[in-house]
Amino acid sequence: MSFAGRLVVAEFLSQNPAVPCTGVSVAKVVLAAQLARWLPPGASERETTWQCAGATVREVLEALFGQHATLRGYVLDERGKIRRHVAVFVDGTALSHHSDLSETLGDNAEVHVLQALSGG
């Protein structure tokens, strides 16, 4: 299935979360509560979860950005890399900020997007 086709499926799933999906990889994407300010007004201020279609981390994040475009500039830099102040975990493993996000996701993958902590 093409990337555009996956985006269409992701949009459909976001509107119809109980619909079973066959032949398409779908990941659970968890957005930490601290990132709620990048969601549209009235969105939850708690941790939120979406089902996003995609075979790779990049495709799943693109599906999420298709639903919430304001997140893109906060999560990814101008080169499409994870920003230093953001942490992305796939099935409990942190991705490097230098990752090209091409990692293939397994069945029932979980992608967590968090605000990274820094300081000394």
C-alpha atoms as a PDB file:
ATOM      1  CA  MET A   1       0.000   0.000   0.000  1.00  0.00           C
ATOM      2  CA  SER A   2       1.319   3.433  -0.883  1.00  0.00           C
ATOM      3  CA  PHE A   3       2.199   6.035   1.733  1.00  0.00           C
ATOM      4  CA  ALA A   4      -0.790   8.165   0.633  1.00  0.00           C
ATOM      5  CA  GLY A   5      -3.015   5.119   1.014  1.00  0.00           C
ATOM      6  CA  ARG A   6      -1.738   4.591   4.542  1.00  0.00           C
ATOM      7  CA  LEU A   7      -2.573   8.204   5.383  1.00  0.00           C
ATOM      8  CA  VAL A   8      -6.131   7.671   4.163  1.00  0.00           C
ATOM      9  CA  VAL A   9      -6.403   4.530   6.292  1.00  0.00           C
ATOM     10  CA  ALA A  10      -4.977   6.390   9.308  1.00  0.00           C
ATOM     11  CA  GLU A  11      -7.540   9.165   8.911  1.00  0.00           C
ATOM     12  CA  PHE A  12     -10.335   6.613   8.620  1.00  0.00           C
ATOM     13  CA  LEU A  13      -9.127   4.760  11.723  1.00  0.00           C
ATOM     14  CA  SER A  14      -8.939   7.997  13.709  1.00  0.00           C
ATOM     15  CA  GLN A  15     -12.616   8.570  12.924  1.00  0.00           C
ATOM     16  CA  ASN A  16     -13.620   4.907  13.285  1.00  0.00           C
ATOM     17  CA  PRO A  17     -11.316   3.387  15.933  1.00  0.00           C
ATOM     18  CA  ALA A  18     -13.345   0.191  16.357  1.00  0.00           C
ATOM     19  CA  VAL A  19     -13.105  -0.813  12.679  1.00  0.00           C
ATOM     20  CA  PRO A  20     -10.775  -3.797  12.185  1.00  0.00           C
ATOM     21  CA  CYS A  21      -7.970  -3.230   9.731  1.00  0.00           C
ATOM     22  CA  THR A  22      -6.415  -6.048   7.723  1.00  0.00           C
ATOM     23  CA  GLY A  23      -3.366  -5.908   5.518  1.00  0.00           C
ATOM     24  CA  VAL A  24      -2.160  -2.606   6.992  1.00  0.00           C
ATOM     25  CA  SER A  25       0.322  -2.160   9.819  1.00  0.00           C
ATOM     26  CA  VAL A  26      -1.150  -0.011  12.557  1.00  0.00           C
ATOM     27  CA  ALA A  27       0.829   1.259  15.521  1.00  0.00           C
ATOM     28  CA  LYS A  28      -0.383   2.652  18.810  1.00  0.00           C
ATOM     29  CA  VAL A  29       1.041   6.168  19.171  1.00  0.00           C
ATOM     30  CA  VAL A  30       1.093   7.657  22.669  1.00  0.00           C
ATOM     31  CA  LEU A  31       1.642  11.397  23.042  1.00  0.00           C
ATOM     32  CA  ALA A  32       2.726  12.549  26.504  1.00  0.00           C
ATOM     33  CA  ALA A  33       0.525  15.062  28.316  1.00  0.00           C
ATOM     34  CA  GLN A  34       3.273  17.726  28.136  1.00  0.00           C
ATOM     35  CA  LEU A  35       2.823  17.863  24.357  1.00  0.00           C
ATOM     36  CA  ALA A  36      -0.924  18.578  24.535  1.00  0.00           C
ATOM     37  CA  ARG A  37      -0.271  22.289  24.004  1.00  0.00           C
ATOM     38  CA  TRP A  38       0.617  21.450  20.393  1.00  0.00           C
ATOM     39  CA  LEU A  39      -2.826  19.959  19.798  1.00  0.00           C
ATOM     40  CA  PRO A  40      -5.871  21.965  18.682  1.00  0.00           C
ATOM     41  CA  PRO A  41      -7.720  23.988  21.356  1.00  0.00           C
ATOM     42  CA  GLY A  42     -10.015  21.825  23.430  1.00  0.00           C
ATOM     43  CA  ALA A  43      -7.908  18.688  23.027  1.00  0.00           C
ATOM     44  CA  SER A  44      -7.109  16.606  26.066  1.00  0.00           C
ATOM     45  CA  GLU A  45      -4.436  17.834  28.455  1.00  0.00           C
ATOM     46  CA  ARG A  46      -3.672  14.250  29.403  1.00  0.00           C
ATOM     47  CA  GLU A  47      -1.687  11.559  27.673  1.00  0.00           C
ATOM     48  CA  THR A  48      -3.449  10.781  24.403  1.00  0.00           C
ATOM     49  CA  THR A  49      -3.370   7.725  22.165  1.00  0.00           C
ATOM     50  CA  TRP A  50      -3.980   7.230  18.434  1.00  0.00           C
ATOM     51  CA  GLN A  51      -3.938   4.303  16.056  1.00  0.00           C
ATOM     52  CA  CYS A  52      -1.765   5.325  13.101  1.00  0.00           C
ATOM     53  CA  ALA A  53      -1.091   3.310   9.956  1.00  0.00           C
ATOM     54  CA  GLY A  54       2.457   2.879   8.708  1.00  0.00           C
ATOM     55  CA  ALA A  55       5.227   0.360   8.215  1.00  0.00           C
ATOM     56  CA  THR A  56       8.014   2.591   9.593  1.00  0.00           C
ATOM     57  CA  VAL A  57       8.378   5.111  12.390  1.00  0.00           C
ATOM     58  CA  ARG A  58       8.388   7.951   9.837  1.00  0.00           C
ATOM     59  CA  GLU A  59       5.155   6.760   8.195  1.00  0.00           C
ATOM     60  CA  VAL A  60       3.407   6.437  11.561  1.00  0.00           C
ATOM     61  CA  LEU A  61       4.563   9.913  12.628  1.00  0.00           C
ATOM     62  CA  GLU A  62       3.449  11.329   9.261  1.00  0.00           C
ATOM     63  CA  ALA A  63       0.005   9.808   9.857  1.00  0.00           C
ATOM     64  CA  LEU A  64      -0.043  11.503  13.286  1.00  0.00           C
ATOM     65  CA  PHE A  65       1.054  14.826  11.762  1.00  0.00           C
ATOM     66  CA  GLY A  66      -1.703  14.417   9.183  1.00  0.00           C
ATOM     67  CA  GLN A  67      -4.144  14.578  12.083  1.00  0.00           C
ATOM     68  CA  HIS A  68      -2.227  17.173  14.127  1.00  0.00           C
ATOM     69  CA  ALA A  69      -0.001  19.256  11.848  1.00  0.00           C
ATOM     70  CA  THR A  70       1.206  21.576  14.633  1.00  0.00           C
ATOM     71  CA  LEU A  71       3.111  18.674  16.197  1.00  0.00           C
ATOM     72  CA  ARG A  72       5.474  18.299  13.222  1.00  0.00           C
ATOM     73  CA  GLY A  73       7.575  21.400  13.942  1.00  0.00           C
ATOM     74  CA  TYR A  74       7.865  20.508  17.619  1.00  0.00           C
ATOM     75  CA  VAL A  75       8.782  16.835  17.133  1.00  0.00           C
ATOM     76  CA  LEU A  76      10.978  17.032  13.991  1.00  0.00           C
ATOM     77  CA  ASP A  77      13.584  19.578  12.916  1.00  0.00           C
ATOM     78  CA  GLU A  78      13.965  21.063   9.422  1.00  0.00           C
ATOM     79  CA  ARG A  79      15.927  17.946   8.308  1.00  0.00           C
ATOM     80  CA  GLY A  80      13.178  15.599   9.470  1.00  0.00           C
ATOM     81  CA  LYS A  81      15.181  14.379  12.467  1.00  0.00           C
ATOM     82  CA  ILE A  82      13.910  14.092  16.034  1.00  0.00           C
ATOM     83  CA  ARG A  83      14.487  17.373  17.886  1.00  0.00           C
ATOM     84  CA  ARG A  84      16.826  17.344  20.875  1.00  0.00           C
ATOM     85  CA  HIS A  85      14.021  18.255  23.288  1.00  0.00           C
ATOM     86  CA  VAL A  86      11.837  15.329  22.178  1.00  0.00           C
ATOM     87  CA  ALA A  87      12.220  11.639  22.993  1.00  0.00           C
ATOM     88  CA  VAL A  88      10.679   8.927  20.821  1.00  0.00           C
ATOM     89  CA  PHE A  89      10.482   5.326  22.012  1.00  0.00           C
ATOM     90  CA  VAL A  90       9.492   2.326  19.912  1.00  0.00           C
ATOM     91  CA  ASP A  91       8.389  -0.661  21.967  1.00  0.00           C
ATOM     92  CA  GLY A  92      10.356   0.719  24.926  1.00  0.00           C
ATOM     93  CA  THR A  93      13.585   1.464  23.049  1.00  0.00           C
ATOM     94  CA  ALA A  94      14.688   5.084  22.634  1.00  0.00           C
ATOM     95  CA  LEU A  95      15.453   6.296  19.116  1.00  0.00           C
ATOM     96  CA  SER A  96      18.547   8.388  18.496  1.00  0.00           C
ATOM     97  CA  HIS A  97      18.133  12.034  17.546  1.00  0.00           C
ATOM     98  CA  HIS A  98      20.157  11.128  14.451  1.00  0.00           C
ATOM     99  CA  SER A  99      17.675   8.429  13.412  1.00  0.00           C
ATOM    100  CA  ASP A 100      16.247   8.703   9.903  1.00  0.00           C
ATOM    101  CA  LEU A 101      13.047   7.126  11.302  1.00  0.00           C
ATOM    102  CA  SER A 102      13.146   4.328   8.719  1.00  0.00           C
ATOM    103  CA  GLU A 103      12.998   1.597  11.367  1.00  0.00           C
ATOM    104  CA  THR A 104      10.413  -0.995  10.432  1.00  0.00           C
ATOM    105  CA  LEU A 105       7.700  -1.450  13.024  1.00  0.00           C
ATOM    106  CA  GLY A 106       6.597  -4.852  14.200  1.00  0.00           C
ATOM    107  CA  ASP A 107       3.026  -6.001  14.685  1.00  0.00           C
ATOM    108  CA  ASN A 108       1.208  -4.090  17.431  1.00  0.00           C
ATOM    109  CA  ALA A 109       4.097  -1.631  17.803  1.00  0.00           C
ATOM    110  CA  GLU A 110       3.881   1.182  20.348  1.00  0.00           C
ATOM    111  CA  VAL A 111       5.456   4.548  19.611  1.00  0.00           C
ATOM    112  CA  HIS A 112       5.738   6.974  22.538  1.00  0.00           C
ATOM    113  CA  VAL A 113       6.491  10.658  21.928  1.00  0.00           C
ATOM    114  CA  LEU A 114       7.667  12.545  25.016  1.00  0.00           C
ATOM    115  CA  GLN A 115       9.178  15.856  25.962  1.00  0.00           C
ATOM    116  CA  ALA A 116      12.807  15.111  26.825  1.00  0.00           C
ATOM    117  CA  LEU A 117      14.250  16.397  30.072  1.00  0.00           C
ATOM    118  CA  SER A 118      17.591  18.110  30.175  1.00  0.00           C
ATOM    119  CA  GLY A 119      19.631  20.084  32.577  1.00  0.00           C
ATOM    120  CA  GLY A 120      22.513  19.684  34.907  1.00  0.00           C
END
